[in-house]
Each structure stands twice: as C-alpha cells, then as structure tokens.
Amino acid sequence: MRMADWLIDLGPGAGAHGGEIIAQGPVAKVLKEKKSLTAKYLNGELKIPLPAARKSPSGKFIEIKGASQFNLKNIDVKIPLGLCVCITGVSGSGKSTLVHEIIYKGIAQKIYGSKEKPGKFKSMTGYEHLDKVIIVDQSPIEGPRVRTLLHTPEHSGR
C-alpha cells in the first residue's frame, strides 16, 4: 500500500456499516486521516501481534497430483493440515481454480458424494483425515469478520 500512487480507503466498518470513503488520495494524505483504520495500521498505531510460537505441521497433508484445469499446468501440490496455509499468485495464475475447482470440489465429492464435478487432476490423497470441507468465498456474509478461505478441519475422531 505504501508504494501506491493513490489509496482509496473504504469503511468505516464491514457490510451494512461500510460503503463510505474514509480517505482517498496520495499515501501521505491518507496516513494523516484520523478516521482511517488502514492509516492506523500503516502508521503503527495499531498492530496485529504475531503468535509467540508457530504451529508445527501435524504430518498430515492433502496431496493433489496432476492438477490441470484451466491455467494449472499438471501441477502437484502438498498442503499441510492443521495450519493456516496461504495460496498466492498473480491474477489469473490458478489460485481460485486450485482452491475451488480442484481442492474444494474434489474433497466435497469424496466426503459428501457431491455431484459437482471437480476440475481435472490425476489423484488426491489425505482427504480421509477430514470430516468436512467448507468453502467461504466473497459472497455477502453477515458478520464483522469476513475472510475468503477454505476451511478443512482435521477429523477429531468424535
């Protein structure tokens, strides 16, 4: 954000509590706006603390081999379970295809017998460690903390 030529900060809150311009202009101007939550974080007034210790991998993974839907080029990916995993890349690189079309639809088909056909992949292992999969996308959701994520809680044996 600091490298932007122009920032537009929306708020003041989320959902019905947002939709207003809080600040806009060059970064230096936005950083001076007292009502801007973004400015408070960029100025260091507010912080999100890092955990004292990171979680260790459980040794369980979802492993997909040969994912080749849309822009994915026959990739193999191994995703550790029980950790916060970020899938990143530029626009059009295949992030949504991997998460929604391959991982989510593939696991939903295996666990729930979903009729939605997943994207192309050769094999998927590790889904047996899960008892559910939930896709959270950018559709409107009521609540103060909305994130785009794929949630795959490890099966607890309960």
N, C-alpha and C. Protein backbone atom coordinates (compact mmCIF):
# COMPACT_ATOMS: atom_id res chain seq x y z
N MET A 1 0.81 -1.19 0.00
CA MET A 1 0.00 0.00 0.00
C MET A 1 0.86 1.26 0.00
N ARG A 2 1.96 1.19 0.71
CA ARG A 2 2.84 2.37 0.77
C ARG A 2 3.40 2.74 -0.60
N MET A 3 3.47 1.78 -1.50
CA MET A 3 4.02 2.03 -2.84
C MET A 3 2.96 2.53 -3.82
N ALA A 4 1.70 2.57 -3.39
CA ALA A 4 0.62 3.00 -4.28
C ALA A 4 0.76 4.48 -4.62
N ASP A 5 0.26 4.85 -5.79
CA ASP A 5 0.20 6.26 -6.17
C ASP A 5 -1.01 6.94 -5.54
N TRP A 6 -2.05 6.14 -5.28
CA TRP A 6 -3.32 6.68 -4.78
C TRP A 6 -4.00 5.59 -3.96
N LEU A 7 -4.47 5.91 -2.78
CA LEU A 7 -5.21 4.97 -1.95
C LEU A 7 -6.66 5.43 -1.83
N ILE A 8 -7.57 4.47 -1.82
CA ILE A 8 -8.97 4.72 -1.52
C ILE A 8 -9.32 3.79 -0.38
N ASP A 9 -9.61 4.36 0.78
CA ASP A 9 -9.90 3.59 2.00
C ASP A 9 -11.40 3.64 2.25
N LEU A 10 -12.05 2.48 2.20
CA LEU A 10 -13.48 2.37 2.42
C LEU A 10 -13.77 1.91 3.84
N GLY A 11 -14.93 2.26 4.33
CA GLY A 11 -15.32 1.84 5.68
C GLY A 11 -16.60 2.56 6.08
N PRO A 12 -16.81 2.88 7.33
CA PRO A 12 -15.85 2.67 8.40
C PRO A 12 -15.81 1.23 8.90
N GLY A 13 -16.86 0.45 8.63
CA GLY A 13 -16.88 -0.94 9.05
C GLY A 13 -17.12 -1.83 7.84
N ALA A 14 -17.63 -3.03 8.12
CA ALA A 14 -17.91 -4.00 7.07
C ALA A 14 -19.40 -4.10 6.82
N GLY A 15 -19.77 -4.62 5.67
CA GLY A 15 -21.18 -4.87 5.34
C GLY A 15 -22.00 -3.60 5.42
N ALA A 16 -23.11 -3.65 6.15
CA ALA A 16 -24.02 -2.51 6.27
C ALA A 16 -23.35 -1.32 6.96
N HIS A 17 -22.23 -1.55 7.63
CA HIS A 17 -21.52 -0.49 8.35
C HIS A 17 -20.42 0.15 7.52
N GLY A 18 -20.33 -0.23 6.25
CA GLY A 18 -19.29 0.30 5.38
C GLY A 18 -19.89 1.07 4.22
N GLY A 19 -19.11 1.11 3.13
CA GLY A 19 -19.59 1.74 1.91
C GLY A 19 -19.33 3.23 1.81
N GLU A 20 -18.54 3.76 2.72
CA GLU A 20 -18.22 5.19 2.67
C GLU A 20 -16.73 5.36 2.39
N ILE A 21 -16.38 6.46 1.76
CA ILE A 21 -14.97 6.81 1.57
C ILE A 21 -14.48 7.41 2.89
N ILE A 22 -13.50 6.77 3.48
CA ILE A 22 -12.90 7.27 4.72
C ILE A 22 -11.75 8.21 4.39
N ALA A 23 -10.96 7.83 3.40
CA ALA A 23 -9.83 8.65 2.97
C ALA A 23 -9.50 8.27 1.54
N GLN A 24 -8.99 9.25 0.79
CA GLN A 24 -8.50 8.96 -0.55
C GLN A 24 -7.48 10.01 -0.94
N GLY A 25 -6.55 9.56 -1.74
CA GLY A 25 -5.52 10.47 -2.20
C GLY A 25 -4.16 9.81 -2.15
N PRO A 26 -3.10 10.61 -2.27
CA PRO A 26 -1.75 10.06 -2.15
C PRO A 26 -1.56 9.44 -0.76
N VAL A 27 -0.66 8.50 -0.66
CA VAL A 27 -0.43 7.78 0.59
C VAL A 27 -0.21 8.73 1.76
N ALA A 28 0.61 9.75 1.57
CA ALA A 28 0.91 10.69 2.66
C ALA A 28 -0.36 11.35 3.20
N LYS A 29 -1.30 11.66 2.34
CA LYS A 29 -2.56 12.27 2.78
C LYS A 29 -3.41 11.26 3.55
N VAL A 30 -3.52 10.05 3.06
CA VAL A 30 -4.33 9.03 3.73
C VAL A 30 -3.75 8.71 5.10
N LEU A 31 -2.44 8.68 5.22
CA LEU A 31 -1.79 8.38 6.50
C LEU A 31 -2.13 9.40 7.58
N LYS A 32 -2.56 10.61 7.20
CA LYS A 32 -2.91 11.66 8.17
C LYS A 32 -4.37 11.63 8.59
N GLU A 33 -5.17 10.80 7.93
CA GLU A 33 -6.61 10.75 8.22
C GLU A 33 -6.87 9.99 9.52
N LYS A 34 -7.36 10.70 10.54
CA LYS A 34 -7.57 10.12 11.87
C LYS A 34 -8.65 9.03 11.89
N LYS A 35 -9.62 9.07 10.98
CA LYS A 35 -10.71 8.09 10.96
C LYS A 35 -10.34 6.81 10.20
N SER A 36 -9.17 6.80 9.57
CA SER A 36 -8.77 5.67 8.73
C SER A 36 -8.12 4.56 9.56
N LEU A 37 -8.81 3.42 9.61
CA LEU A 37 -8.25 2.25 10.28
C LEU A 37 -6.99 1.78 9.55
N THR A 38 -7.03 1.85 8.22
CA THR A 38 -5.86 1.47 7.41
C THR A 38 -4.65 2.32 7.80
N ALA A 39 -4.86 3.64 7.93
CA ALA A 39 -3.77 4.54 8.30
C ALA A 39 -3.21 4.18 9.68
N LYS A 40 -4.09 3.82 10.60
CA LYS A 40 -3.63 3.47 11.95
C LYS A 40 -2.71 2.25 11.93
N TYR A 41 -3.00 1.29 11.06
CA TYR A 41 -2.12 0.12 10.94
C TYR A 41 -0.83 0.49 10.22
N LEU A 42 -0.94 1.25 9.15
CA LEU A 42 0.26 1.63 8.40
C LEU A 42 1.18 2.53 9.23
N ASN A 43 0.59 3.35 10.10
CA ASN A 43 1.39 4.24 10.96
C ASN A 43 1.93 3.52 12.20
N GLY A 44 1.51 2.29 12.44
CA GLY A 44 1.98 1.54 13.59
C GLY A 44 1.21 1.81 14.87
N GLU A 45 0.13 2.61 14.80
CA GLU A 45 -0.69 2.88 15.99
C GLU A 45 -1.42 1.60 16.42
N LEU A 46 -1.84 0.80 15.46
CA LEU A 46 -2.48 -0.48 15.72
C LEU A 46 -1.62 -1.58 15.12
N LYS A 47 -1.63 -2.72 15.77
CA LYS A 47 -0.82 -3.84 15.27
C LYS A 47 -1.59 -5.14 15.43
N ILE A 48 -1.27 -6.08 14.58
CA ILE A 48 -1.77 -7.44 14.73
C ILE A 48 -0.58 -8.25 15.21
N PRO A 49 -0.62 -8.69 16.47
CA PRO A 49 0.55 -9.39 17.01
C PRO A 49 0.75 -10.76 16.36
N LEU A 50 2.00 -11.07 16.13
CA LEU A 50 2.34 -12.41 15.64
C LEU A 50 2.33 -13.36 16.82
N PRO A 51 1.93 -14.60 16.59
CA PRO A 51 1.95 -15.55 17.71
C PRO A 51 3.38 -15.78 18.19
N ALA A 52 3.52 -16.04 19.49
CA ALA A 52 4.84 -16.27 20.07
C ALA A 52 5.50 -17.50 19.45
N ALA A 53 4.67 -18.49 19.14
CA ALA A 53 5.20 -19.71 18.53
C ALA A 53 4.28 -20.12 17.39
N ARG A 54 4.87 -20.58 16.32
CA ARG A 54 4.09 -21.08 15.19
C ARG A 54 3.70 -22.53 15.43
N LYS A 55 2.57 -22.93 14.84
CA LYS A 55 2.16 -24.33 14.93
C LYS A 55 3.11 -25.19 14.13
N SER A 56 3.29 -26.38 14.59
CA SER A 56 4.11 -27.35 13.86
C SER A 56 3.21 -28.18 12.96
N PRO A 57 3.70 -28.58 11.80
CA PRO A 57 2.90 -29.45 10.93
C PRO A 57 2.53 -30.75 11.65
N SER A 58 1.33 -31.24 11.38
CA SER A 58 0.84 -32.47 12.01
C SER A 58 1.39 -33.72 11.33
N GLY A 59 1.95 -33.53 10.14
CA GLY A 59 2.41 -34.67 9.36
C GLY A 59 1.33 -35.19 8.42
N LYS A 60 0.13 -34.60 8.49
CA LYS A 60 -0.96 -34.97 7.60
C LYS A 60 -1.09 -33.92 6.51
N PHE A 61 -1.36 -34.37 5.29
CA PHE A 61 -1.43 -33.48 4.15
C PHE A 61 -2.59 -33.86 3.24
N ILE A 62 -3.07 -32.88 2.49
CA ILE A 62 -3.87 -33.14 1.30
C ILE A 62 -2.86 -33.07 0.17
N GLU A 63 -2.79 -34.09 -0.65
CA GLU A 63 -1.84 -34.09 -1.76
C GLU A 63 -2.61 -34.29 -3.06
N ILE A 64 -2.40 -33.37 -3.98
CA ILE A 64 -3.04 -33.44 -5.29
C ILE A 64 -1.94 -33.58 -6.33
N LYS A 65 -2.13 -34.52 -7.21
CA LYS A 65 -1.16 -34.73 -8.30
C LYS A 65 -1.86 -34.51 -9.63
N GLY A 66 -1.14 -33.86 -10.53
CA GLY A 66 -1.62 -33.70 -11.90
C GLY A 66 -2.79 -32.76 -12.06
N ALA A 67 -2.88 -31.69 -11.26
CA ALA A 67 -3.96 -30.71 -11.43
C ALA A 67 -3.73 -29.94 -12.72
N SER A 68 -4.72 -30.00 -13.62
CA SER A 68 -4.51 -29.39 -14.94
C SER A 68 -5.75 -28.68 -15.47
N GLN A 69 -6.59 -28.18 -14.59
CA GLN A 69 -7.78 -27.42 -15.00
C GLN A 69 -7.38 -25.99 -15.36
N PHE A 70 -7.97 -25.45 -16.41
CA PHE A 70 -7.75 -24.07 -16.84
C PHE A 70 -6.26 -23.74 -16.93
N ASN A 71 -5.77 -22.79 -16.10
CA ASN A 71 -4.37 -22.36 -16.19
C ASN A 71 -3.38 -23.26 -15.46
N LEU A 72 -3.85 -24.25 -14.73
CA LEU A 72 -2.94 -25.13 -13.99
C LEU A 72 -2.26 -26.10 -14.96
N LYS A 73 -0.97 -26.20 -14.88
CA LYS A 73 -0.16 -26.95 -15.83
C LYS A 73 0.33 -28.28 -15.26
N ASN A 74 -0.61 -29.20 -14.97
CA ASN A 74 -0.25 -30.52 -14.49
C ASN A 74 0.61 -30.43 -13.23
N ILE A 75 0.14 -29.62 -12.26
CA ILE A 75 0.93 -29.38 -11.04
C ILE A 75 0.64 -30.41 -9.96
N ASP A 76 1.61 -30.62 -9.10
CA ASP A 76 1.47 -31.45 -7.90
C ASP A 76 1.59 -30.50 -6.71
N VAL A 77 0.70 -30.64 -5.73
CA VAL A 77 0.74 -29.76 -4.56
C VAL A 77 0.46 -30.58 -3.31
N LYS A 78 1.17 -30.23 -2.24
CA LYS A 78 1.03 -30.91 -0.96
C LYS A 78 0.71 -29.83 0.07
N ILE A 79 -0.47 -29.92 0.70
CA ILE A 79 -0.94 -28.89 1.63
C ILE A 79 -1.04 -29.48 3.03
N PRO A 80 -0.26 -28.94 3.98
CA PRO A 80 -0.30 -29.47 5.34
C PRO A 80 -1.64 -29.16 6.01
N LEU A 81 -2.15 -30.10 6.78
CA LEU A 81 -3.39 -29.91 7.53
C LEU A 81 -3.09 -29.38 8.92
N GLY A 82 -4.03 -28.62 9.47
CA GLY A 82 -3.89 -28.09 10.82
C GLY A 82 -3.12 -26.80 10.90
N LEU A 83 -2.74 -26.23 9.74
CA LEU A 83 -2.00 -24.97 9.70
C LEU A 83 -2.77 -23.97 8.86
N CYS A 84 -2.47 -22.70 9.02
CA CYS A 84 -3.00 -21.67 8.13
C CYS A 84 -2.09 -21.64 6.91
N VAL A 85 -2.63 -22.01 5.76
CA VAL A 85 -1.85 -22.09 4.52
C VAL A 85 -2.38 -21.03 3.56
N CYS A 86 -1.50 -20.24 2.99
CA CYS A 86 -1.89 -19.22 2.03
C CYS A 86 -1.48 -19.67 0.63
N ILE A 87 -2.41 -19.56 -0.29
CA ILE A 87 -2.12 -19.86 -1.69
C ILE A 87 -2.13 -18.52 -2.40
N THR A 88 -0.98 -18.14 -2.94
CA THR A 88 -0.83 -16.81 -3.51
C THR A 88 -0.43 -16.88 -4.98
N GLY A 89 -0.52 -15.76 -5.64
CA GLY A 89 -0.10 -15.66 -7.03
C GLY A 89 -0.79 -14.49 -7.70
N VAL A 90 -0.31 -14.14 -8.86
CA VAL A 90 -0.89 -13.02 -9.60
C VAL A 90 -2.26 -13.40 -10.13
N SER A 91 -3.01 -12.41 -10.54
CA SER A 91 -4.33 -12.62 -11.12
C SER A 91 -4.23 -13.56 -12.31
N GLY A 92 -5.08 -14.57 -12.35
CA GLY A 92 -5.10 -15.49 -13.48
C GLY A 92 -4.10 -16.63 -13.37
N SER A 93 -3.40 -16.75 -12.23
CA SER A 93 -2.36 -17.77 -12.11
C SER A 93 -2.89 -19.15 -11.73
N GLY A 94 -4.17 -19.23 -11.30
CA GLY A 94 -4.76 -20.51 -10.98
C GLY A 94 -5.13 -20.73 -9.52
N LYS A 95 -5.04 -19.69 -8.69
CA LYS A 95 -5.35 -19.82 -7.27
C LYS A 95 -6.78 -20.30 -7.04
N SER A 96 -7.75 -19.61 -7.63
CA SER A 96 -9.16 -19.97 -7.45
C SER A 96 -9.45 -21.34 -8.05
N THR A 97 -8.85 -21.64 -9.17
CA THR A 97 -9.04 -22.96 -9.78
C THR A 97 -8.54 -24.04 -8.84
N LEU A 98 -7.36 -23.85 -8.27
CA LEU A 98 -6.81 -24.84 -7.36
C LEU A 98 -7.69 -25.01 -6.12
N VAL A 99 -8.04 -23.90 -5.48
CA VAL A 99 -8.79 -23.97 -4.22
C VAL A 99 -10.23 -24.42 -4.44
N HIS A 100 -10.93 -23.79 -5.36
CA HIS A 100 -12.36 -24.08 -5.51
C HIS A 100 -12.64 -25.27 -6.42
N GLU A 101 -12.08 -25.25 -7.61
CA GLU A 101 -12.40 -26.28 -8.60
C GLU A 101 -11.76 -27.63 -8.29
N ILE A 102 -10.54 -27.62 -7.77
CA ILE A 102 -9.82 -28.87 -7.53
C ILE A 102 -9.99 -29.32 -6.07
N ILE A 103 -9.49 -28.52 -5.13
CA ILE A 103 -9.46 -28.95 -3.73
C ILE A 103 -10.88 -29.07 -3.15
N TYR A 104 -11.63 -27.96 -3.16
CA TYR A 104 -12.95 -27.99 -2.55
C TYR A 104 -13.88 -29.00 -3.22
N LYS A 105 -14.03 -28.91 -4.52
CA LYS A 105 -14.96 -29.82 -5.20
C LYS A 105 -14.48 -31.27 -5.12
N GLY A 106 -13.17 -31.48 -5.15
CA GLY A 106 -12.64 -32.83 -5.05
C GLY A 106 -12.91 -33.45 -3.68
N ILE A 107 -12.68 -32.67 -2.62
CA ILE A 107 -12.92 -33.17 -1.27
C ILE A 107 -14.42 -33.34 -1.03
N ALA A 108 -15.23 -32.38 -1.49
CA ALA A 108 -16.69 -32.47 -1.31
C ALA A 108 -17.23 -33.72 -1.99
N GLN A 109 -16.69 -34.05 -3.14
CA GLN A 109 -17.12 -35.26 -3.84
C GLN A 109 -16.74 -36.52 -3.04
N LYS A 110 -15.53 -36.52 -2.50
CA LYS A 110 -15.06 -37.69 -1.74
C LYS A 110 -15.80 -37.84 -0.41
N ILE A 111 -16.02 -36.73 0.31
CA ILE A 111 -16.63 -36.80 1.64
C ILE A 111 -18.16 -36.89 1.57
N TYR A 112 -18.76 -36.03 0.74
CA TYR A 112 -20.21 -35.92 0.72
C TYR A 112 -20.88 -36.62 -0.46
N GLY A 113 -20.07 -37.08 -1.42
CA GLY A 113 -20.66 -37.64 -2.64
C GLY A 113 -21.27 -36.55 -3.51
N SER A 114 -20.71 -35.34 -3.43
CA SER A 114 -21.22 -34.20 -4.19
C SER A 114 -21.28 -34.53 -5.68
N LYS A 115 -22.30 -34.02 -6.33
CA LYS A 115 -22.47 -34.22 -7.78
C LYS A 115 -21.70 -33.18 -8.58
N GLU A 116 -21.20 -32.12 -7.90
CA GLU A 116 -20.40 -31.11 -8.61
C GLU A 116 -19.09 -31.74 -9.05
N LYS A 117 -18.83 -31.67 -10.32
CA LYS A 117 -17.62 -32.29 -10.86
C LYS A 117 -16.40 -31.39 -10.60
N PRO A 118 -15.38 -31.96 -9.95
CA PRO A 118 -14.16 -31.16 -9.71
C PRO A 118 -13.39 -30.95 -11.01
N GLY A 119 -12.46 -30.00 -10.96
CA GLY A 119 -11.57 -29.78 -12.08
C GLY A 119 -10.66 -30.99 -12.28
N LYS A 120 -9.90 -30.95 -13.35
CA LYS A 120 -9.05 -32.10 -13.72
C LYS A 120 -7.85 -32.25 -12.80
N PHE A 121 -7.70 -33.47 -12.28
CA PHE A 121 -6.50 -33.84 -11.53
C PHE A 121 -6.37 -35.36 -11.60
N LYS A 122 -5.15 -35.86 -11.42
CA LYS A 122 -4.91 -37.30 -11.52
C LYS A 122 -5.23 -38.03 -10.23
N SER A 123 -4.81 -37.48 -9.08
CA SER A 123 -5.09 -38.15 -7.82
C SER A 123 -5.12 -37.16 -6.67
N MET A 124 -5.86 -37.56 -5.61
CA MET A 124 -5.93 -36.76 -4.39
C MET A 124 -5.86 -37.73 -3.21
N THR A 125 -4.96 -37.45 -2.28
CA THR A 125 -4.87 -38.25 -1.06
C THR A 125 -4.91 -37.32 0.14
N GLY A 126 -5.21 -37.88 1.30
CA GLY A 126 -5.22 -37.12 2.54
C GLY A 126 -6.61 -36.65 2.95
N TYR A 127 -7.57 -36.69 2.05
CA TYR A 127 -8.92 -36.24 2.39
C TYR A 127 -9.54 -37.11 3.49
N GLU A 128 -9.03 -38.31 3.66
CA GLU A 128 -9.56 -39.20 4.70
C GLU A 128 -9.31 -38.67 6.11
N HIS A 129 -8.42 -37.67 6.25
CA HIS A 129 -8.16 -37.04 7.55
C HIS A 129 -9.20 -35.99 7.88
N LEU A 130 -10.10 -35.71 6.96
CA LEU A 130 -11.11 -34.66 7.13
C LEU A 130 -12.49 -35.26 7.29
N ASP A 131 -13.34 -34.56 8.04
CA ASP A 131 -14.73 -34.99 8.10
C ASP A 131 -15.67 -33.97 7.49
N LYS A 132 -15.13 -32.81 7.10
CA LYS A 132 -15.93 -31.82 6.39
C LYS A 132 -15.02 -30.84 5.69
N VAL A 133 -15.60 -30.16 4.71
CA VAL A 133 -14.90 -29.10 3.99
C VAL A 133 -15.91 -27.99 3.74
N ILE A 134 -15.49 -26.76 3.96
CA ILE A 134 -16.38 -25.61 3.81
C ILE A 134 -15.67 -24.59 2.93
N ILE A 135 -16.35 -24.10 1.91
CA ILE A 135 -15.77 -23.04 1.09
C ILE A 135 -16.39 -21.72 1.54
N VAL A 136 -15.56 -20.76 1.81
CA VAL A 136 -16.00 -19.42 2.15
C VAL A 136 -15.46 -18.53 1.04
N ASP A 137 -16.37 -17.93 0.28
CA ASP A 137 -15.93 -17.10 -0.84
C ASP A 137 -16.29 -15.64 -0.59
N GLN A 138 -16.40 -14.87 -1.65
CA GLN A 138 -16.65 -13.44 -1.49
C GLN A 138 -18.13 -13.10 -1.56
N SER A 139 -19.00 -14.09 -1.47
CA SER A 139 -20.43 -13.82 -1.39
C SER A 139 -20.72 -13.09 -0.09
N PRO A 140 -21.73 -12.22 -0.07
CA PRO A 140 -22.02 -11.48 1.16
C PRO A 140 -22.31 -12.42 2.33
N ILE A 141 -21.67 -12.15 3.44
CA ILE A 141 -21.88 -12.89 4.67
C ILE A 141 -22.09 -11.86 5.77
N GLU A 142 -23.07 -12.08 6.62
CA GLU A 142 -23.29 -11.17 7.75
C GLU A 142 -22.25 -11.47 8.81
N GLY A 143 -21.70 -10.45 9.38
CA GLY A 143 -20.74 -10.65 10.46
C GLY A 143 -19.59 -9.68 10.35
N PRO A 144 -18.92 -9.41 11.46
CA PRO A 144 -17.86 -8.41 11.48
C PRO A 144 -16.52 -8.88 10.91
N ARG A 145 -16.32 -10.19 10.80
CA ARG A 145 -15.02 -10.69 10.35
C ARG A 145 -15.21 -11.65 9.19
N VAL A 146 -15.15 -11.11 8.00
CA VAL A 146 -15.36 -11.93 6.82
C VAL A 146 -14.03 -12.12 6.11
N ARG A 147 -13.68 -13.35 5.80
CA ARG A 147 -12.44 -13.68 5.11
C ARG A 147 -12.74 -14.66 3.99
N THR A 148 -11.93 -14.65 2.95
CA THR A 148 -12.02 -15.67 1.92
C THR A 148 -11.07 -16.78 2.31
N LEU A 149 -11.61 -17.98 2.45
CA LEU A 149 -10.75 -19.08 2.87
C LEU A 149 -11.39 -20.41 2.53
N LEU A 150 -10.59 -21.42 2.59
CA LEU A 150 -11.05 -22.80 2.51
C LEU A 150 -10.75 -23.40 3.86
N HIS A 151 -11.77 -23.90 4.53
CA HIS A 151 -11.59 -24.43 5.89
C HIS A 151 -11.72 -25.94 5.84
N THR A 152 -10.67 -26.62 6.26
CA THR A 152 -10.69 -28.09 6.28
C THR A 152 -10.24 -28.57 7.65
N PRO A 153 -11.18 -28.57 8.62
CA PRO A 153 -10.77 -29.02 9.95
C PRO A 153 -10.40 -30.49 9.95
N GLU A 154 -9.32 -30.81 10.66
CA GLU A 154 -8.91 -32.21 10.76
C GLU A 154 -9.97 -32.99 11.51
N HIS A 155 -10.18 -34.21 11.11
CA HIS A 155 -11.14 -35.07 11.76
C HIS A 155 -10.67 -35.36 13.18
N SER A 156 -11.53 -35.10 14.14
CA SER A 156 -11.13 -35.26 15.54
C SER A 156 -11.43 -36.65 16.08
N GLY A 157 -12.13 -37.45 15.31
CA GLY A 157 -12.45 -38.79 15.76
C GLY A 157 -13.68 -38.82 16.66
N ARG A 158 -14.35 -37.66 16.81
CA ARG A 158 -15.55 -37.60 17.65
C ARG A 158 -16.76 -38.06 16.91
